[in-house]
Amino acid sequence: MTGTELRDLLVREIARTHGGGAQRWRKVAGTIKVYSRDTHAHCNWEARPTGTAFEIAVVERASDGLRARHPFVEAG
């Protein structure tokens, strides 16, 4: 899975759980930053959300759930 695919999955899960449009959640979720597995042995990605405090918290909670299922992604 790539960072872009992970972002799409994140947005779909948030929109399904919290409602609202996928376009808005995609903007809030921001980009997925992918790090080298050499320096990040347990998880090599992070979301960089922007928006209201509530929206950021939603993205961070959803990211935590995805991180358990998809700890490593490829760049892209």
PDB file of N, CA and C in Angstrom:
ATOM      1  N   MET A   1       0.854  -1.168   0.000  1.00  0.00           N
ATOM      2  CA  MET A   1       0.000   0.000   0.000  1.00  0.00           C
ATOM      3  C   MET A   1       0.900   1.231   0.000  1.00  0.00           C
ATOM      4  N   THR A   2       0.498   2.220  -0.769  1.00  0.00           N
ATOM      5  CA  THR A   2       1.252   3.468  -0.826  1.00  0.00           C
ATOM      6  C   THR A   2       0.640   4.494   0.130  1.00  0.00           C
ATOM      7  N   GLY A   3       1.354   5.585   0.348  1.00  0.00           N
ATOM      8  CA  GLY A   3       0.829   6.656   1.183  1.00  0.00           C
ATOM      9  C   GLY A   3      -0.454   7.243   0.622  1.00  0.00           C
ATOM     10  N   THR A   4      -0.545   7.345  -0.701  1.00  0.00           N
ATOM     11  CA  THR A   4      -1.746   7.871  -1.341  1.00  0.00           C
ATOM     12  C   THR A   4      -2.928   6.927  -1.131  1.00  0.00           C
ATOM     13  N   GLU A   5      -2.697   5.634  -1.286  1.00  0.00           N
ATOM     14  CA  GLU A   5      -3.762   4.655  -1.058  1.00  0.00           C
ATOM     15  C   GLU A   5      -4.213   4.666   0.395  1.00  0.00           C
ATOM     16  N   LEU A   6      -3.253   4.815   1.308  1.00  0.00           N
ATOM     17  CA  LEU A   6      -3.580   4.881   2.730  1.00  0.00           C
ATOM     18  C   LEU A   6      -4.431   6.115   3.028  1.00  0.00           C
ATOM     19  N   ARG A   7      -4.090   7.227   2.428  1.00  0.00           N
ATOM     20  CA  ARG A   7      -4.871   8.455   2.619  1.00  0.00           C
ATOM     21  C   ARG A   7      -6.302   8.260   2.128  1.00  0.00           C
ATOM     22  N   ASP A   8      -6.457   7.624   0.979  1.00  0.00           N
ATOM     23  CA  ASP A   8      -7.802   7.353   0.455  1.00  0.00           C
ATOM     24  C   ASP A   8      -8.586   6.462   1.414  1.00  0.00           C
ATOM     25  N   LEU A   9      -7.935   5.450   1.962  1.00  0.00           N
ATOM     26  CA  LEU A   9      -8.587   4.560   2.931  1.00  0.00           C
ATOM     27  C   LEU A   9      -8.972   5.334   4.187  1.00  0.00           C
ATOM     28  N   LEU A  10      -8.080   6.170   4.664  1.00  0.00           N
ATOM     29  CA  LEU A  10      -8.342   6.993   5.839  1.00  0.00           C
ATOM     30  C   LEU A  10      -9.562   7.888   5.609  1.00  0.00           C
ATOM     31  N   VAL A  11      -9.605   8.544   4.478  1.00  0.00           N
ATOM     32  CA  VAL A  11     -10.721   9.447   4.157  1.00  0.00           C
ATOM     33  C   VAL A  11     -12.035   8.671   4.073  1.00  0.00           C
ATOM     34  N   ARG A  12     -12.034   7.518   3.419  1.00  0.00           N
ATOM     35  CA  ARG A  12     -13.263   6.718   3.315  1.00  0.00           C
ATOM     36  C   ARG A  12     -13.771   6.299   4.692  1.00  0.00           C
ATOM     37  N   GLU A  13     -12.857   5.862   5.555  1.00  0.00           N
ATOM     38  CA  GLU A  13     -13.276   5.441   6.898  1.00  0.00           C
ATOM     39  C   GLU A  13     -13.838   6.600   7.708  1.00  0.00           C
ATOM     40  N   ILE A  14     -13.199   7.753   7.623  1.00  0.00           N
ATOM     41  CA  ILE A  14     -13.687   8.922   8.370  1.00  0.00           C
ATOM     42  C   ILE A  14     -15.036   9.369   7.844  1.00  0.00           C
ATOM     43  N   ALA A  15     -15.185   9.459   6.530  1.00  0.00           N
ATOM     44  CA  ALA A  15     -16.461   9.901   5.945  1.00  0.00           C
ATOM     45  C   ALA A  15     -17.577   8.933   6.314  1.00  0.00           C
ATOM     46  N   ARG A  16     -17.283   7.652   6.335  1.00  0.00           N
ATOM     47  CA  ARG A  16     -18.296   6.658   6.686  1.00  0.00           C
ATOM     48  C   ARG A  16     -18.681   6.770   8.165  1.00  0.00           C
ATOM     49  N   THR A  17     -17.705   6.985   9.014  1.00  0.00           N
ATOM     50  CA  THR A  17     -17.935   7.034  10.453  1.00  0.00           C
ATOM     51  C   THR A  17     -18.524   8.362  10.916  1.00  0.00           C
ATOM     52  N   HIS A  18     -18.015   9.470  10.389  1.00  0.00           N
ATOM     53  CA  HIS A  18     -18.392  10.799  10.892  1.00  0.00           C
ATOM     54  C   HIS A  18     -19.249  11.607   9.931  1.00  0.00           C
ATOM     55  N   GLY A  19     -19.463  11.077   8.734  1.00  0.00           N
ATOM     56  CA  GLY A  19     -20.253  11.807   7.759  1.00  0.00           C
ATOM     57  C   GLY A  19     -19.447  12.914   7.114  1.00  0.00           C
ATOM     58  N   GLY A  20     -20.111  13.681   6.320  1.00  0.00           N
ATOM     59  CA  GLY A  20     -19.432  14.753   5.608  1.00  0.00           C
ATOM     60  C   GLY A  20     -18.859  14.238   4.301  1.00  0.00           C
ATOM     61  N   GLY A  21     -18.432  15.163   3.493  1.00  0.00           N
ATOM     62  CA  GLY A  21     -17.920  14.806   2.180  1.00  0.00           C
ATOM     63  C   GLY A  21     -16.483  14.336   2.207  1.00  0.00           C
ATOM     64  N   ALA A  22     -16.180  13.423   1.298  1.00  0.00           N
ATOM     65  CA  ALA A  22     -14.813  12.911   1.200  1.00  0.00           C
ATOM     66  C   ALA A  22     -13.840  14.023   0.824  1.00  0.00           C
ATOM     67  N   GLN A  23     -14.286  14.967   0.013  1.00  0.00           N
ATOM     68  CA  GLN A  23     -13.406  16.056  -0.407  1.00  0.00           C
ATOM     69  C   GLN A  23     -12.957  16.884   0.801  1.00  0.00           C
ATOM     70  N   ARG A  24     -13.881  17.179   1.690  1.00  0.00           N
ATOM     71  CA  ARG A  24     -13.531  17.949   2.893  1.00  0.00           C
ATOM     72  C   ARG A  24     -12.558  17.158   3.760  1.00  0.00           C
ATOM     73  N   TRP A  25     -12.840  15.871   3.992  1.00  0.00           N
ATOM     74  CA  TRP A  25     -11.969  15.060   4.839  1.00  0.00           C
ATOM     75  C   TRP A  25     -10.594  14.859   4.202  1.00  0.00           C
ATOM     76  N   ARG A  26     -10.552  14.805   2.871  1.00  0.00           N
ATOM     77  CA  ARG A  26      -9.257  14.682   2.192  1.00  0.00           C
ATOM     78  C   ARG A  26      -8.414  15.926   2.458  1.00  0.00           C
ATOM     79  N   LYS A  27      -9.065  17.079   2.432  1.00  0.00           N
ATOM     80  CA  LYS A  27      -8.351  18.329   2.711  1.00  0.00           C
ATOM     81  C   LYS A  27      -7.882  18.362   4.170  1.00  0.00           C
ATOM     82  N   VAL A  28      -8.743  17.938   5.082  1.00  0.00           N
ATOM     83  CA  VAL A  28      -8.382  17.923   6.508  1.00  0.00           C
ATOM     84  C   VAL A  28      -7.257  16.936   6.772  1.00  0.00           C
ATOM     85  N   ALA A  29      -7.329  15.740   6.169  1.00  0.00           N
ATOM     86  CA  ALA A  29      -6.322  14.699   6.409  1.00  0.00           C
ATOM     87  C   ALA A  29      -4.937  15.138   5.951  1.00  0.00           C
ATOM     88  N   GLY A  30      -4.888  15.992   4.952  1.00  0.00           N
ATOM     89  CA  GLY A  30      -3.599  16.465   4.470  1.00  0.00           C
ATOM     90  C   GLY A  30      -2.831  15.358   3.771  1.00  0.00           C
ATOM     91  N   THR A  31      -1.535  15.426   3.869  1.00  0.00           N
ATOM     92  CA  THR A  31      -0.693  14.433   3.217  1.00  0.00           C
ATOM     93  C   THR A  31      -0.262  13.365   4.212  1.00  0.00           C
ATOM     94  N   ILE A  32       0.125  12.233   3.676  1.00  0.00           N
ATOM     95  CA  ILE A  32       0.716  11.171   4.484  1.00  0.00           C
ATOM     96  C   ILE A  32       2.225  11.262   4.289  1.00  0.00           C
ATOM     97  N   LYS A  33       2.929  11.511   5.347  1.00  0.00           N
ATOM     98  CA  LYS A  33       4.384  11.587   5.308  1.00  0.00           C
ATOM     99  C   LYS A  33       4.931  10.179   5.521  1.00  0.00           C
ATOM    100  N   VAL A  34       5.731   9.696   4.575  1.00  0.00           N
ATOM    101  CA  VAL A  34       6.308   8.357   4.647  1.00  0.00           C
ATOM    102  C   VAL A  34       7.793   8.494   4.971  1.00  0.00           C
ATOM    103  N   TYR A  35       8.229   7.752   5.980  1.00  0.00           N
ATOM    104  CA  TYR A  35       9.623   7.760   6.423  1.00  0.00           C
ATOM    105  C   TYR A  35      10.304   6.454   6.033  1.00  0.00           C
ATOM    106  N   SER A  36      11.589   6.426   6.127  1.00  0.00           N
ATOM    107  CA  SER A  36      12.366   5.223   5.853  1.00  0.00           C
ATOM    108  C   SER A  36      12.127   4.177   6.937  1.00  0.00           C
ATOM    109  N   ARG A  37      12.025   2.924   6.548  1.00  0.00           N
ATOM    110  CA  ARG A  37      11.882   1.848   7.534  1.00  0.00           C
ATOM    111  C   ARG A  37      13.155   1.686   8.364  1.00  0.00           C
ATOM    112  N   ASP A  38      14.280   2.136   7.829  1.00  0.00           N
ATOM    113  CA  ASP A  38      15.545   2.047   8.565  1.00  0.00           C
ATOM    114  C   ASP A  38      15.531   2.895   9.832  1.00  0.00           C
ATOM    115  N   THR A  39      14.842   4.017   9.780  1.00  0.00           N
ATOM    116  CA  THR A  39      14.818   4.918  10.932  1.00  0.00           C
ATOM    117  C   THR A  39      13.516   4.851  11.723  1.00  0.00           C
ATOM    118  N   HIS A  40      12.515   4.193  11.162  1.00  0.00           N
ATOM    119  CA  HIS A  40      11.206   4.074  11.829  1.00  0.00           C
ATOM    120  C   HIS A  40      10.797   2.604  11.818  1.00  0.00           C
ATOM    121  N   ALA A  41      11.262   1.875  12.802  1.00  0.00           N
ATOM    122  CA  ALA A  41      11.115   0.417  12.821  1.00  0.00           C
ATOM    123  C   ALA A  41       9.701  -0.070  13.125  1.00  0.00           C
ATOM    124  N   HIS A  42       8.872   0.735  13.762  1.00  0.00           N
ATOM    125  CA  HIS A  42       7.543   0.272  14.160  1.00  0.00           C
ATOM    126  C   HIS A  42       6.420   0.786  13.262  1.00  0.00           C
ATOM    127  N   CYS A  43       6.612   1.926  12.665  1.00  0.00           N
ATOM    128  CA  CYS A  43       5.609   2.522  11.785  1.00  0.00           C
ATOM    129  C   CYS A  43       6.314   3.591  10.965  1.00  0.00           C
ATOM    130  N   ASN A  44       6.125   3.585   9.659  1.00  0.00           N
ATOM    131  CA  ASN A  44       6.898   4.522   8.847  1.00  0.00           C
ATOM    132  C   ASN A  44       6.062   5.641   8.219  1.00  0.00           C
ATOM    133  N   TRP A  45       4.913   5.963   8.803  1.00  0.00           N
ATOM    134  CA  TRP A  45       4.106   7.035   8.233  1.00  0.00           C
ATOM    135  C   TRP A  45       3.392   7.816   9.322  1.00  0.00           C
ATOM    136  N   GLU A  46       2.960   9.036   8.935  1.00  0.00           N
ATOM    137  CA  GLU A  46       2.117   9.846   9.802  1.00  0.00           C
ATOM    138  C   GLU A  46       1.240  10.731   8.928  1.00  0.00           C
ATOM    139  N   ALA A  47       0.054  11.001   9.416  1.00  0.00           N
ATOM    140  CA  ALA A  47      -0.851  11.937   8.750  1.00  0.00           C
ATOM    141  C   ALA A  47      -0.507  13.338   9.235  1.00  0.00           C
ATOM    142  N   ARG A  48      -0.740  14.313   8.389  1.00  0.00           N
ATOM    143  CA  ARG A  48      -0.498  15.708   8.753  1.00  0.00           C
ATOM    144  C   ARG A  48      -1.781  16.507   8.577  1.00  0.00           C
ATOM    145  N   PRO A  49      -2.736  16.321   9.520  1.00  0.00           N
ATOM    146  CA  PRO A  49      -4.041  16.975   9.368  1.00  0.00           C
ATOM    147  C   PRO A  49      -4.000  18.468   9.666  1.00  0.00           C
ATOM    148  N   THR A  50      -4.951  19.170   9.052  1.00  0.00           N
ATOM    149  CA  THR A  50      -5.179  20.588   9.335  1.00  0.00           C
ATOM    150  C   THR A  50      -6.682  20.787   9.416  1.00  0.00           C
ATOM    151  N   GLY A  51      -7.106  21.753  10.151  1.00  0.00           N
ATOM    152  CA  GLY A  51      -8.535  22.032  10.284  1.00  0.00           C
ATOM    153  C   GLY A  51      -8.849  22.429  11.709  1.00  0.00           C
ATOM    154  N   THR A  52     -10.085  22.211  12.104  1.00  0.00           N
ATOM    155  CA  THR A  52     -10.484  22.530  13.472  1.00  0.00           C
ATOM    156  C   THR A  52      -9.899  21.503  14.430  1.00  0.00           C
ATOM    157  N   ALA A  53      -9.933  21.819  15.700  1.00  0.00           N
ATOM    158  CA  ALA A  53      -9.423  20.876  16.699  1.00  0.00           C
ATOM    159  C   ALA A  53     -10.190  19.555  16.636  1.00  0.00           C
ATOM    160  N   PHE A  54     -11.506  19.624  16.444  1.00  0.00           N
ATOM    161  CA  PHE A  54     -12.315  18.415  16.325  1.00  0.00           C
ATOM    162  C   PHE A  54     -11.902  17.588  15.111  1.00  0.00           C
ATOM    163  N   GLU A  55     -11.732  18.241  13.958  1.00  0.00           N
ATOM    164  CA  GLU A  55     -11.362  17.529  12.737  1.00  0.00           C
ATOM    165  C   GLU A  55      -9.994  16.876  12.862  1.00  0.00           C
ATOM    166  N   ILE A  56      -9.050  17.584  13.448  1.00  0.00           N
ATOM    167  CA  ILE A  56      -7.716  17.022  13.642  1.00  0.00           C
ATOM    168  C   ILE A  56      -7.784  15.810  14.560  1.00  0.00           C
ATOM    169  N   ALA A  57      -8.566  15.898  15.615  1.00  0.00           N
ATOM    170  CA  ALA A  57      -8.713  14.772  16.540  1.00  0.00           C
ATOM    171  C   ALA A  57      -9.333  13.568  15.844  1.00  0.00           C
ATOM    172  N   VAL A  58     -10.302  13.789  14.982  1.00  0.00           N
ATOM    173  CA  VAL A  58     -10.929  12.692  14.230  1.00  0.00           C
ATOM    174  C   VAL A  58      -9.890  12.003  13.355  1.00  0.00           C
ATOM    175  N   VAL A  59      -9.093  12.780  12.641  1.00  0.00           N
ATOM    176  CA  VAL A  59      -8.069  12.207  11.762  1.00  0.00           C
ATOM    177  C   VAL A  59      -7.022  11.454  12.583  1.00  0.00           C
ATOM    178  N   GLU A  60      -6.617  12.003  13.709  1.00  0.00           N
ATOM    179  CA  GLU A  60      -5.604  11.336  14.525  1.00  0.00           C
ATOM    180  C   GLU A  60      -6.117  10.021  15.100  1.00  0.00           C
ATOM    181  N   ARG A  61      -7.376   9.980  15.537  1.00  0.00           N
ATOM    182  CA  ARG A  61      -7.949   8.723  16.045  1.00  0.00           C
ATOM    183  C   ARG A  61      -8.054   7.684  14.937  1.00  0.00           C
ATOM    184  N   ALA A  62      -8.509   8.117  13.775  1.00  0.00           N
ATOM    185  CA  ALA A  62      -8.619   7.191  12.647  1.00  0.00           C
ATOM    186  C   ALA A  62      -7.233   6.714  12.208  1.00  0.00           C
ATOM    187  N   SER A  63      -6.253   7.590  12.269  1.00  0.00           N
ATOM    188  CA  SER A  63      -4.879   7.207  11.917  1.00  0.00           C
ATOM    189  C   SER A  63      -4.344   6.151  12.867  1.00  0.00           C
ATOM    190  N   ASP A  64      -4.648   6.290  14.144  1.00  0.00           N
ATOM    191  CA  ASP A  64      -4.208   5.290  15.124  1.00  0.00           C
ATOM    192  C   ASP A  64      -4.769   3.912  14.790  1.00  0.00           C
ATOM    193  N   GLY A  65      -6.039   3.861  14.395  1.00  0.00           N
ATOM    194  CA  GLY A  65      -6.639   2.593  14.016  1.00  0.00           C
ATOM    195  C   GLY A  65      -5.996   2.001  12.772  1.00  0.00           C
ATOM    196  N   LEU A  66      -5.732   2.843  11.786  1.00  0.00           N
ATOM    197  CA  LEU A  66      -5.091   2.364  10.566  1.00  0.00           C
ATOM    198  C   LEU A  66      -3.649   1.933  10.815  1.00  0.00           C
ATOM    199  N   ARG A  67      -2.987   2.626  11.700  1.00  0.00           N
ATOM    200  CA  ARG A  67      -1.593   2.307  11.995  1.00  0.00           C
ATOM    201  C   ARG A  67      -1.451   0.886  12.545  1.00  0.00           C
ATOM    202  N   ALA A  68      -2.437   0.445  13.306  1.00  0.00           N
ATOM    203  CA  ALA A  68      -2.399  -0.920  13.843  1.00  0.00           C
ATOM    204  C   ALA A  68      -2.532  -1.949  12.723  1.00  0.00           C
ATOM    205  N   ARG A  69      -3.305  -1.615  11.699  1.00  0.00           N
ATOM    206  CA  ARG A  69      -3.516  -2.550  10.585  1.00  0.00           C
ATOM    207  C   ARG A  69      -2.494  -2.397   9.468  1.00  0.00           C
ATOM    208  N   HIS A  70      -1.979  -1.190   9.297  1.00  0.00           N
ATOM    209  CA  HIS A  70      -1.041  -0.894   8.202  1.00  0.00           C
ATOM    210  C   HIS A  70       0.141  -0.072   8.736  1.00  0.00           C
ATOM    211  N   PRO A  71       1.050  -0.699   9.477  1.00  0.00           N
ATOM    212  CA  PRO A  71       2.141   0.074  10.046  1.00  0.00           C
ATOM    213  C   PRO A  71       3.165   0.567   9.023  1.00  0.00           C
ATOM    214  N   PHE A  72       3.248  -0.112   7.889  1.00  0.00           N
ATOM    215  CA  PHE A  72       4.233   0.282   6.884  1.00  0.00           C
ATOM    216  C   PHE A  72       3.560   0.504   5.528  1.00  0.00           C
ATOM    217  N   VAL A  73       3.966   1.576   4.877  1.00  0.00           N
ATOM    218  CA  VAL A  73       3.492   1.874   3.529  1.00  0.00           C
ATOM    219  C   VAL A  73       4.690   2.246   2.667  1.00  0.00           C
ATOM    220  N   GLU A  74       4.463   2.236   1.388  1.00  0.00           N
ATOM    221  CA  GLU A  74       5.491   2.647   0.423  1.00  0.00           C
ATOM    222  C   GLU A  74       5.257   4.111   0.059  1.00  0.00           C
ATOM    223  N   ALA A  75       6.304   4.781  -0.358  1.00  0.00           N
ATOM    224  CA  ALA A  75       6.153   6.162  -0.809  1.00  0.00           C
ATOM    225  C   ALA A  75       5.282   6.187  -2.055  1.00  0.00           C
ATOM    226  N   GLY A  76       4.556   7.251  -2.206  1.00  0.00           N
ATOM    227  CA  GLY A  76       3.728   7.375  -3.410  1.00  0.00           C
ATOM    228  C   GLY A  76       2.316   7.730  -3.116  1.00  0.00           C
TER     229      GLY A  76
END
